[in-house]
Amino acid sequence: MRIIQLTSENVKRLKAVNVKPPAGVVVVSGKNAQGKSSLLDSIMYALTGKKSMPGRPIHDGEKKARVAVDLGEIVVELVWTSNERSYLKVTPKEGEAFASPQEILNKLVGPLSFDPLLFLQQDGKKQVATLKELTGLNFTSLEQERAKAYQERTIVNRRITDLEGEIKGMKRPEGVRVEPITLQALLAEHAAAIKTRQENIGTRQDLADQTEERDHIKTEIERLENELTRQKGKLAAAEQIVENTTKQLDALTDPDVAGIEERIRSAETVNGIAKTWTDWEVKQKELTANQEKAEKLTGQIEELDAQQKKELADAKLPVVGLGFTEDGVTFNDLPLDQASQAEQLRVGLAIATALNPKVRIILIRTGSLLDSDNMKLLAEFAQEYDMQIWIERVEEGDVGIIIEDGEVKEIRE
C-alpha cells in the first residue's frame, strides 16, 4: 500500500494541502519554515497515532486539524481539536469503517518514521537496537555471558602479567633441587644421639668397674687361699659378665654427633634455598594454571561469538552481508561506516523497507544531504522494491511538491 491521495489541514505549519503523489520518489521542497516537515509529519501522525504527535500539532490560531490518507485499500482519517480530543477512522475501500481503527493500523504499519539517513547517522549501539527490533534477535543472554567471560579473562590476564613480572624479578635457584630440612626432627635426632652416647659412656664405665672388680678378686684369691673355692666361682661369674659386656661393646657404634650439629648449623641456609625453589615452583604452577584458564576463556568467548554469528547468519536480515556485534552494525564483516555512501544508503533503505512490509512508505527528512547520485539510487530502489519514498529537501526551484507558507505552491515534474 502507498499513498494515492493526501489531505492535510492545519497541521503544524500547514494550512491546507491536497496532493495526489506519484509512485516512487516524492520530493517535498521549498525554503525553511514553510511546512515541508509538517507535510511528512501529517503522514506519520495519521498512520502511527498519538505516540508520534507533539504537544501542539494544530496550526496556531486554529481549533481543529485534519489528515486524510488514501492508501488504496483503506482510507485513514485523523481529526483532533485544540482540547486534545482526537478522532480516528479507518475505512476499507468497500465496506463500513473498522471498529478498532488503531489496532488495524498497528498491524499494518511498522516504525513509519524510520529515516534511512538518520539511521546511518546514529551511533553503532542505536543501529544495533534497530536491527534487533527488525530481526527479533535478542543476544542479551549471550552478551552477558560473553561479558562475564571477557571480564574474567581480563582479570586472569592481569594476574598472568603480574606473575610474569614477579617471576622475572625472582632469582632463579641454582644447583640441585633440595628439600627443606625439618629442624624439629633434626633436633630430636641430636637429642637421641646424645642419649645414646651417654649410655655408651655408662657401659664403658661399667666395663672399667667390672675389670677392677676382677682384678680385686684375683688379689683376694692370692691373699685368701682359704676362700679359693668361693672366689673361683665368683671369678667365673665375673669372667662371664666381662665376656658378655665385651661382645656388647664391640657391637656399639657412636653416632656422628658432630655431623648432626653441623647439619643443624647449615639448616637455615639449606631451608633458604629450598624456600627459593618452592616459591619459584609455586609461581610457575600458578602462571601455568592462569595461562590455561585464559586460553579456556578465550575459547569460550570464541564459541559465544561463533554462536552469535550463526544466529545472525540464520536470521533473515534485509541485506546480504549485513550483521552486527555489540559495538555496531557490520556490512561484509566491516563496520558499516566503512562501506561506500551508496552501500550505506542501500542498507538503510533495505532496513526501512523491512520495517514496513505492508505500507510501502519511507519518510526521509534530511534529503538535502543527498547528491544527484544518491537521488538516482533512491529512484532505482523505489522502482525495484515498489516503494514510495517521501523526501524533504531545502532547495528552492527543485522538482516535486513545492511548499510555501503552508500550502502547495506548485507541483513540478
Protein backbone atom coordinates (compact mmCIF):
# COMPACT_ATOMS: atom_id res chain seq x y z
CA MET A 1 0.00 0.00 0.00
CA ARG A 2 1.18 3.50 -0.95
CA ILE A 3 -0.35 6.94 -0.62
CA ILE A 4 -2.68 7.70 -3.51
CA GLN A 5 -4.00 10.96 -2.09
CA LEU A 6 -3.02 13.04 0.93
CA THR A 7 -5.09 15.82 2.50
CA SER A 8 -3.69 17.79 5.45
CA GLU A 9 -5.33 20.80 7.06
CA ASN A 10 -3.95 22.97 9.89
CA VAL A 11 -1.22 20.50 10.88
CA LYS A 12 1.62 22.50 12.47
CA ARG A 13 2.73 24.97 9.75
CA LEU A 14 0.34 23.68 7.08
CA LYS A 15 -2.85 25.46 6.12
CA ALA A 16 -4.48 23.25 3.52
CA VAL A 17 -2.75 20.71 1.28
CA ASN A 18 -4.32 18.20 -1.07
CA VAL A 19 -1.96 16.22 -3.30
CA LYS A 20 -2.01 13.04 -5.36
CA PRO A 21 1.62 11.91 -5.16
CA PRO A 22 3.20 9.66 -7.76
CA ALA A 23 4.65 6.24 -7.05
CA GLY A 24 8.40 6.08 -6.45
CA VAL A 25 10.19 9.18 -5.19
CA VAL A 26 8.07 12.08 -3.91
CA VAL A 27 10.15 15.22 -3.34
CA VAL A 28 8.78 17.85 -0.95
CA SER A 29 10.87 21.02 -1.33
CA GLY A 30 10.92 24.68 -0.53
CA LYS A 31 12.55 27.13 1.87
CA ASN A 32 12.88 26.61 5.60
CA ALA A 33 9.83 27.03 7.90
CA GLN A 34 7.31 26.76 5.04
CA GLY A 35 5.66 23.46 6.09
CA LYS A 36 7.73 20.72 4.41
CA SER A 37 8.29 18.84 7.67
CA SER A 38 4.65 19.35 8.61
CA LEU A 39 3.58 17.53 5.45
CA LEU A 40 5.70 14.47 6.33
CA ASP A 41 4.53 14.73 9.93
CA SER A 42 0.92 14.58 8.72
CA ILE A 43 1.60 11.17 7.19
CA MET A 44 3.31 9.95 10.34
CA TYR A 45 0.55 11.22 12.68
CA ALA A 46 -2.20 9.60 10.65
CA LEU A 47 -0.54 6.20 10.35
CA THR A 48 1.12 5.87 13.76
CA GLY A 49 -1.25 7.72 16.08
CA LYS A 50 -0.80 9.78 19.23
CA LYS A 51 2.56 8.24 20.19
CA SER A 52 4.27 10.26 17.46
CA MET A 53 2.37 13.53 17.89
CA PRO A 54 3.91 16.59 19.61
CA GLY A 55 2.22 18.66 22.29
CA ARG A 56 0.79 21.22 19.82
CA PRO A 57 0.11 19.62 16.41
CA ILE A 58 -2.57 22.18 15.41
CA HIS A 59 -1.71 25.28 13.38
CA ASP A 60 -1.52 28.45 15.50
CA GLY A 61 -4.90 30.20 15.72
CA GLU A 62 -6.91 27.18 14.56
CA LYS A 63 -9.14 24.91 16.66
CA LYS A 64 -9.11 21.78 14.57
CA ALA A 65 -6.71 19.84 12.36
CA ARG A 66 -7.36 17.00 9.93
CA VAL A 67 -5.36 14.48 7.91
CA ALA A 68 -6.77 12.02 5.41
CA VAL A 69 -4.51 9.41 3.79
CA ASP A 70 -5.85 7.27 0.95
CA LEU A 71 -3.78 4.07 0.75
CA GLY A 72 -5.86 2.47 -1.95
CA GLU A 73 -7.11 -0.46 0.06
CA ILE A 74 -8.02 1.70 3.06
CA VAL A 75 -8.53 5.36 3.89
CA VAL A 76 -7.20 6.72 7.19
CA GLU A 77 -8.70 9.91 8.62
CA LEU A 78 -7.45 11.62 11.76
CA VAL A 79 -9.10 14.69 13.29
CA TRP A 80 -8.11 16.37 16.54
CA THR A 81 -9.10 19.56 18.31
CA SER A 82 -7.36 22.11 20.48
CA ASN A 83 -8.72 20.48 23.63
CA GLU A 84 -6.64 17.40 22.69
CA ARG A 85 -9.65 15.28 21.73
CA SER A 86 -8.98 13.19 18.62
CA TYR A 87 -10.98 11.11 16.19
CA LEU A 88 -9.54 8.27 14.10
CA LYS A 89 -11.35 6.39 11.37
CA VAL A 90 -10.03 3.62 9.11
CA THR A 91 -12.33 2.67 6.25
CA PRO A 92 -11.75 -0.12 3.71
CA LYS A 93 -12.26 0.55 0.02
CA GLU A 94 -15.53 -1.26 0.21
CA GLY A 95 -17.47 -1.64 3.43
CA GLU A 96 -18.01 0.01 6.80
CA ALA A 97 -15.30 1.65 8.94
CA PHE A 98 -13.35 -0.67 11.22
CA ALA A 99 -14.46 -0.82 14.85
CA SER A 100 -10.85 -0.71 16.14
CA PRO A 101 -9.00 1.58 13.73
CA GLN A 102 -5.80 1.93 15.76
CA GLU A 103 -5.49 -1.85 16.05
CA ILE A 104 -5.75 -2.13 12.26
CA LEU A 105 -3.00 0.45 11.80
CA ASN A 106 -0.77 -1.25 14.36
CA LYS A 107 -0.95 -4.45 12.35
CA LEU A 108 -0.24 -2.70 9.06
CA VAL A 109 2.30 -0.04 9.95
CA GLY A 110 5.80 -0.57 11.31
CA PRO A 111 8.02 2.30 12.54
CA LEU A 112 6.88 4.55 9.70
CA SER A 113 9.02 7.45 10.89
CA PHE A 114 12.13 5.45 10.08
CA ASP A 115 14.56 7.57 8.10
CA PRO A 116 17.45 5.70 6.39
CA LEU A 117 19.69 8.74 6.59
CA LEU A 118 19.00 9.22 10.30
CA PHE A 119 19.76 5.52 10.80
CA LEU A 120 23.14 5.95 9.11
CA GLN A 121 23.87 8.96 11.36
CA GLN A 122 23.13 7.02 14.56
CA ASP A 123 25.91 5.59 16.67
CA GLY A 124 26.64 1.88 16.46
CA LYS A 125 24.64 0.83 19.52
CA LYS A 126 21.45 2.58 18.34
CA GLN A 127 21.81 0.98 14.91
CA VAL A 128 22.15 -2.42 16.58
CA ALA A 129 18.96 -1.78 18.58
CA THR A 130 17.07 -1.03 15.34
CA LEU A 131 18.33 -4.24 13.73
CA LYS A 132 17.39 -6.27 16.80
CA GLU A 133 13.87 -4.85 16.59
CA LEU A 134 13.75 -5.79 12.91
CA THR A 135 15.03 -9.38 13.29
CA GLY A 136 13.58 -10.16 16.71
CA LEU A 137 17.02 -11.34 17.82
CA ASN A 138 17.90 -10.91 21.47
CA PHE A 139 21.53 -11.51 22.38
CA THR A 140 21.19 -10.22 25.94
CA SER A 141 21.96 -13.60 27.48
CA LEU A 142 24.84 -14.28 25.10
CA GLU A 143 26.23 -10.79 25.56
CA GLN A 144 26.02 -11.07 29.36
CA GLU A 145 27.75 -14.46 29.29
CA ARG A 146 30.38 -13.13 26.91
CA ALA A 147 30.92 -10.02 29.03
CA LYS A 148 31.32 -12.20 32.12
CA ALA A 149 33.89 -14.43 30.36
CA TYR A 150 35.64 -11.37 28.92
CA GLN A 151 35.85 -9.71 32.35
CA GLU A 152 37.11 -12.92 33.96
CA ARG A 153 39.71 -13.34 31.22
CA THR A 154 40.81 -9.74 31.73
CA ILE A 155 41.39 -10.47 35.44
CA VAL A 156 43.25 -13.70 34.63
CA ASN A 157 45.42 -11.99 32.01
CA ARG A 158 46.20 -9.22 34.50
CA ARG A 159 47.30 -11.90 37.00
CA ILE A 160 49.41 -13.56 34.28
CA THR A 161 51.16 -10.25 33.68
CA ASP A 162 51.76 -9.82 37.43
CA LEU A 163 53.10 -13.37 37.76
CA GLU A 164 55.41 -12.96 34.77
CA GLY A 165 56.74 -9.76 36.36
CA GLU A 166 57.18 -11.43 39.76
CA ILE A 167 58.97 -14.46 38.24
CA LYS A 168 61.14 -12.16 36.14
CA GLY A 169 62.14 -10.32 39.32
CA MET A 170 62.91 -13.55 41.22
CA LYS A 171 66.35 -15.10 41.32
CA ARG A 172 66.31 -18.47 39.60
CA PRO A 173 67.58 -21.14 42.09
CA GLU A 174 70.96 -22.63 41.25
CA GLY A 175 72.25 -26.12 41.75
CA VAL A 176 70.30 -29.26 42.52
CA ARG A 177 66.76 -29.05 43.84
CA VAL A 178 66.88 -29.54 47.63
CA GLU A 179 64.14 -30.38 50.07
CA PRO A 180 63.66 -28.24 53.19
CA ILE A 181 65.06 -29.62 56.44
CA THR A 182 62.69 -30.16 59.35
CA LEU A 183 64.67 -28.58 62.20
CA GLN A 184 62.45 -30.13 64.89
CA ALA A 185 63.19 -33.65 63.61
CA LEU A 186 66.90 -32.85 63.38
CA LEU A 187 66.95 -31.63 67.00
CA ALA A 188 65.16 -34.80 68.10
CA GLU A 189 67.76 -36.85 66.26
CA HIS A 190 70.51 -34.88 68.02
CA ALA A 191 68.94 -35.47 71.44
CA ALA A 192 68.68 -39.18 70.73
CA ALA A 193 72.34 -39.29 69.70
CA ILE A 194 73.40 -37.53 72.92
CA LYS A 195 71.38 -40.01 74.94
CA THR A 196 72.94 -42.98 73.15
CA ARG A 197 76.43 -41.57 73.66
CA GLN A 198 75.75 -41.12 77.38
CA GLU A 199 74.53 -44.69 77.59
CA ASN A 200 77.66 -45.91 75.84
CA ILE A 201 79.82 -43.94 78.26
CA GLY A 202 77.98 -45.62 81.11
CA THR A 203 78.57 -49.01 79.53
CA ARG A 204 82.29 -48.30 79.21
CA GLN A 205 82.37 -47.20 82.86
CA ASP A 206 80.65 -50.42 83.81
CA LEU A 207 83.34 -52.37 81.98
CA ALA A 208 86.05 -50.47 83.81
CA ASP A 209 84.37 -51.12 87.14
CA GLN A 210 83.92 -54.79 86.35
CA THR A 211 87.54 -55.12 85.29
CA GLU A 212 88.66 -53.53 88.53
CA GLU A 213 86.42 -55.90 90.41
CA ARG A 214 88.00 -58.82 88.60
CA ASP A 215 91.49 -57.66 89.49
CA HIS A 216 90.42 -57.25 93.06
CA ILE A 217 89.10 -60.79 93.07
CA LYS A 218 92.41 -62.09 91.76
CA THR A 219 94.17 -60.31 94.57
CA GLU A 220 91.73 -61.67 97.03
CA ILE A 221 92.30 -65.18 95.68
CA GLU A 222 96.02 -64.87 96.22
CA ARG A 223 95.54 -63.37 99.59
CA LEU A 224 92.74 -65.56 100.73
CA GLU A 225 93.67 -69.08 99.83
CA ASN A 226 91.17 -70.37 102.25
CA GLU A 227 88.40 -68.77 100.24
CA LEU A 228 89.66 -70.10 96.89
CA THR A 229 86.61 -72.20 96.07
CA ARG A 230 84.16 -69.40 96.72
CA GLN A 231 86.27 -66.84 94.96
CA LYS A 232 86.76 -69.08 91.87
CA GLY A 233 83.04 -69.34 91.46
CA LYS A 234 82.76 -65.64 91.81
CA LEU A 235 85.62 -65.23 89.36
CA ALA A 236 83.94 -67.43 86.79
CA ALA A 237 80.79 -65.41 87.08
CA ALA A 238 82.72 -62.18 86.73
CA GLU A 239 84.58 -63.53 83.71
CA GLN A 240 81.31 -64.39 82.06
CA ILE A 241 79.99 -60.88 82.68
CA VAL A 242 83.16 -59.34 81.27
CA GLU A 243 82.90 -61.53 78.17
CA ASN A 244 79.28 -60.61 77.56
CA THR A 245 79.89 -56.92 78.06
CA THR A 246 82.91 -57.05 75.74
CA LYS A 247 80.77 -58.55 72.98
CA GLN A 248 78.16 -55.88 73.58
CA LEU A 249 80.79 -53.18 73.37
CA ASP A 250 82.12 -54.49 70.06
CA ALA A 251 78.62 -54.08 68.55
CA LEU A 252 78.28 -50.46 69.68
CA THR A 253 78.58 -47.57 67.14
CA ASP A 254 78.90 -43.99 68.26
CA PRO A 255 76.59 -41.67 66.21
CA ASP A 256 78.07 -38.72 64.28
CA VAL A 257 77.02 -36.08 66.76
CA ALA A 258 79.38 -33.51 65.23
CA GLY A 259 77.85 -34.13 61.77
CA ILE A 260 74.35 -33.61 63.10
CA GLU A 261 75.42 -30.41 64.83
CA GLU A 262 76.92 -29.22 61.56
CA ARG A 263 73.67 -30.01 59.74
CA ILE A 264 71.77 -28.04 62.37
CA ARG A 265 74.05 -25.06 61.79
CA SER A 266 73.55 -25.32 57.99
CA ALA A 267 69.79 -26.00 58.12
CA GLU A 268 68.87 -22.30 57.79
CA THR A 269 70.93 -21.95 54.61
CA VAL A 270 69.50 -25.14 53.12
CA ASN A 271 65.97 -24.14 54.04
CA GLY A 272 66.51 -20.75 52.40
CA ILE A 273 67.50 -22.50 49.16
CA ALA A 274 64.56 -24.89 49.49
CA LYS A 275 62.14 -21.98 50.03
CA THR A 276 63.51 -20.26 46.93
CA TRP A 277 62.79 -23.38 44.90
CA THR A 278 59.35 -23.78 46.46
CA ASP A 279 58.39 -20.13 45.82
CA TRP A 280 59.61 -20.33 42.23
CA GLU A 281 57.74 -23.57 41.57
CA VAL A 282 54.53 -22.19 43.14
CA LYS A 283 54.64 -19.11 40.88
CA GLN A 284 55.35 -21.28 37.83
CA LYS A 285 52.39 -23.55 38.64
CA GLU A 286 50.11 -20.54 39.18
CA LEU A 287 51.31 -18.99 35.92
CA THR A 288 50.62 -22.20 34.01
CA ALA A 289 47.18 -22.55 35.60
CA ASN A 290 46.26 -18.96 34.73
CA GLN A 291 47.55 -19.33 31.17
CA GLU A 292 45.42 -22.46 30.73
CA LYS A 293 42.40 -20.66 32.23
CA ALA A 294 42.90 -17.66 29.93
CA GLU A 295 43.14 -19.99 26.94
CA LYS A 296 39.93 -21.74 28.02
CA LEU A 297 38.11 -18.40 28.45
CA THR A 298 39.32 -17.29 25.02
CA GLY A 299 37.83 -20.46 23.58
CA GLN A 300 34.60 -19.77 25.43
CA ILE A 301 34.46 -16.23 24.01
CA GLU A 302 35.16 -17.58 20.50
CA GLU A 303 32.35 -20.13 20.89
CA LEU A 304 29.93 -17.39 22.01
CA ASP A 305 30.98 -15.20 19.09
CA ALA A 306 30.53 -18.15 16.71
CA GLN A 307 27.07 -18.84 18.15
CA GLN A 308 26.06 -15.21 17.72
CA LYS A 309 27.48 -15.20 14.18
CA LYS A 310 25.49 -18.37 13.36
CA GLU A 311 22.27 -16.84 14.69
CA LEU A 312 22.95 -13.76 12.59
CA ALA A 313 23.59 -15.98 9.56
CA ASP A 314 20.29 -17.78 10.17
CA ALA A 315 18.37 -14.51 10.72
CA LYS A 316 16.58 -13.07 7.72
CA LEU A 317 18.34 -9.73 7.53
CA PRO A 318 17.16 -7.42 4.74
CA VAL A 319 20.61 -7.16 3.07
CA VAL A 320 23.07 -9.94 2.27
CA GLY A 321 26.27 -9.38 4.24
CA LEU A 322 24.56 -7.32 6.95
CA GLY A 323 25.33 -8.20 10.58
CA PHE A 324 26.02 -6.64 13.92
CA THR A 325 28.17 -7.02 17.01
CA GLU A 326 27.77 -5.50 20.45
CA ASP A 327 29.59 -2.40 19.15
CA GLY A 328 27.71 -1.72 15.94
CA VAL A 329 26.36 -2.81 12.55
CA THR A 330 28.65 -4.50 10.04
CA PHE A 331 28.47 -4.95 6.28
CA ASN A 332 30.54 -7.71 4.72
CA ASP A 333 32.33 -8.15 8.09
CA LEU A 334 33.45 -4.49 8.17
CA PRO A 335 31.92 -1.62 10.19
CA LEU A 336 29.02 -0.11 8.25
CA ASP A 337 30.58 3.36 8.34
CA GLN A 338 33.50 1.97 6.28
CA ALA A 339 31.16 0.99 3.42
CA SER A 340 30.66 3.34 0.47
CA GLN A 341 27.95 6.00 0.69
CA ALA A 342 25.90 4.12 -1.89
CA GLU A 343 26.19 0.86 0.07
CA GLN A 344 25.26 2.61 3.30
CA LEU A 345 22.21 4.23 1.71
CA ARG A 346 21.08 0.92 0.18
CA VAL A 347 21.42 -0.77 3.57
CA GLY A 348 19.35 1.95 5.24
CA LEU A 349 16.67 1.73 2.57
CA ALA A 350 16.50 -2.06 2.83
CA ILE A 351 16.04 -1.86 6.60
CA ALA A 352 13.33 0.77 6.22
CA THR A 353 11.56 -1.46 3.69
CA ALA A 354 11.76 -4.46 6.00
CA LEU A 355 10.33 -2.42 8.88
CA ASN A 356 7.27 -1.54 6.77
CA PRO A 357 6.47 -4.65 4.73
CA LYS A 358 2.80 -3.80 4.17
CA VAL A 359 2.70 0.01 3.97
CA ARG A 360 5.37 0.73 1.34
CA ILE A 361 6.25 4.23 2.54
CA ILE A 362 9.58 5.70 3.67
CA LEU A 363 9.96 9.22 5.07
CA ILE A 364 13.35 10.94 4.62
CA ARG A 365 13.63 14.29 6.40
CA THR A 366 17.26 15.08 5.62
CA GLY A 367 17.06 14.83 1.86
CA SER A 368 19.24 17.90 1.38
CA LEU A 369 22.21 15.69 2.32
CA LEU A 370 21.70 13.60 -0.82
CA ASP A 371 23.57 14.36 -4.03
CA SER A 372 22.37 13.55 -7.54
CA ASP A 373 23.89 10.06 -7.49
CA ASN A 374 22.09 9.24 -4.26
CA MET A 375 18.82 10.64 -5.60
CA LYS A 376 19.22 8.38 -8.62
CA LEU A 377 19.85 5.42 -6.34
CA LEU A 378 16.66 6.25 -4.41
CA ALA A 379 14.65 6.32 -7.64
CA GLU A 380 16.09 2.96 -8.73
CA PHE A 381 15.41 1.46 -5.30
CA ALA A 382 11.83 2.75 -5.20
CA GLN A 383 11.15 1.22 -8.61
CA GLU A 384 12.89 -2.09 -7.82
CA TYR A 385 11.12 -2.61 -4.46
CA ASP A 386 7.83 -0.85 -5.29
CA MET A 387 8.36 1.78 -2.55
CA GLN A 388 7.05 5.32 -2.19
CA ILE A 389 9.86 7.46 -0.77
CA TRP A 390 8.93 10.92 0.55
CA ILE A 391 11.97 13.21 0.66
CA GLU A 392 12.15 16.62 2.30
CA ARG A 393 14.69 18.94 0.63
CA VAL A 394 15.54 22.57 1.36
CA GLU A 395 16.06 23.74 -2.17
CA GLU A 396 14.13 26.41 -3.98
CA GLY A 397 13.26 25.56 -7.56
CA ASP A 398 13.62 21.79 -7.05
CA VAL A 399 11.26 19.31 -8.64
CA GLY A 400 8.35 17.77 -6.76
CA ILE A 401 5.80 19.31 -4.40
CA ILE A 402 6.82 22.91 -3.67
CA ILE A 403 5.55 24.10 -0.26
CA GLU A 404 5.30 27.79 0.50
CA ASP A 405 3.60 29.39 3.52
CA GLY A 406 1.85 26.17 4.50
CA GLU A 407 0.34 25.47 1.07
CA VAL A 408 1.27 23.78 -2.20
CA LYS A 409 2.71 26.46 -4.39
CA GLU A 410 3.09 24.19 -7.39
CA ILE A 411 3.99 20.65 -8.42
CA ARG A 412 6.93 20.26 -10.77
CA GLU A 413 7.59 17.01 -12.54
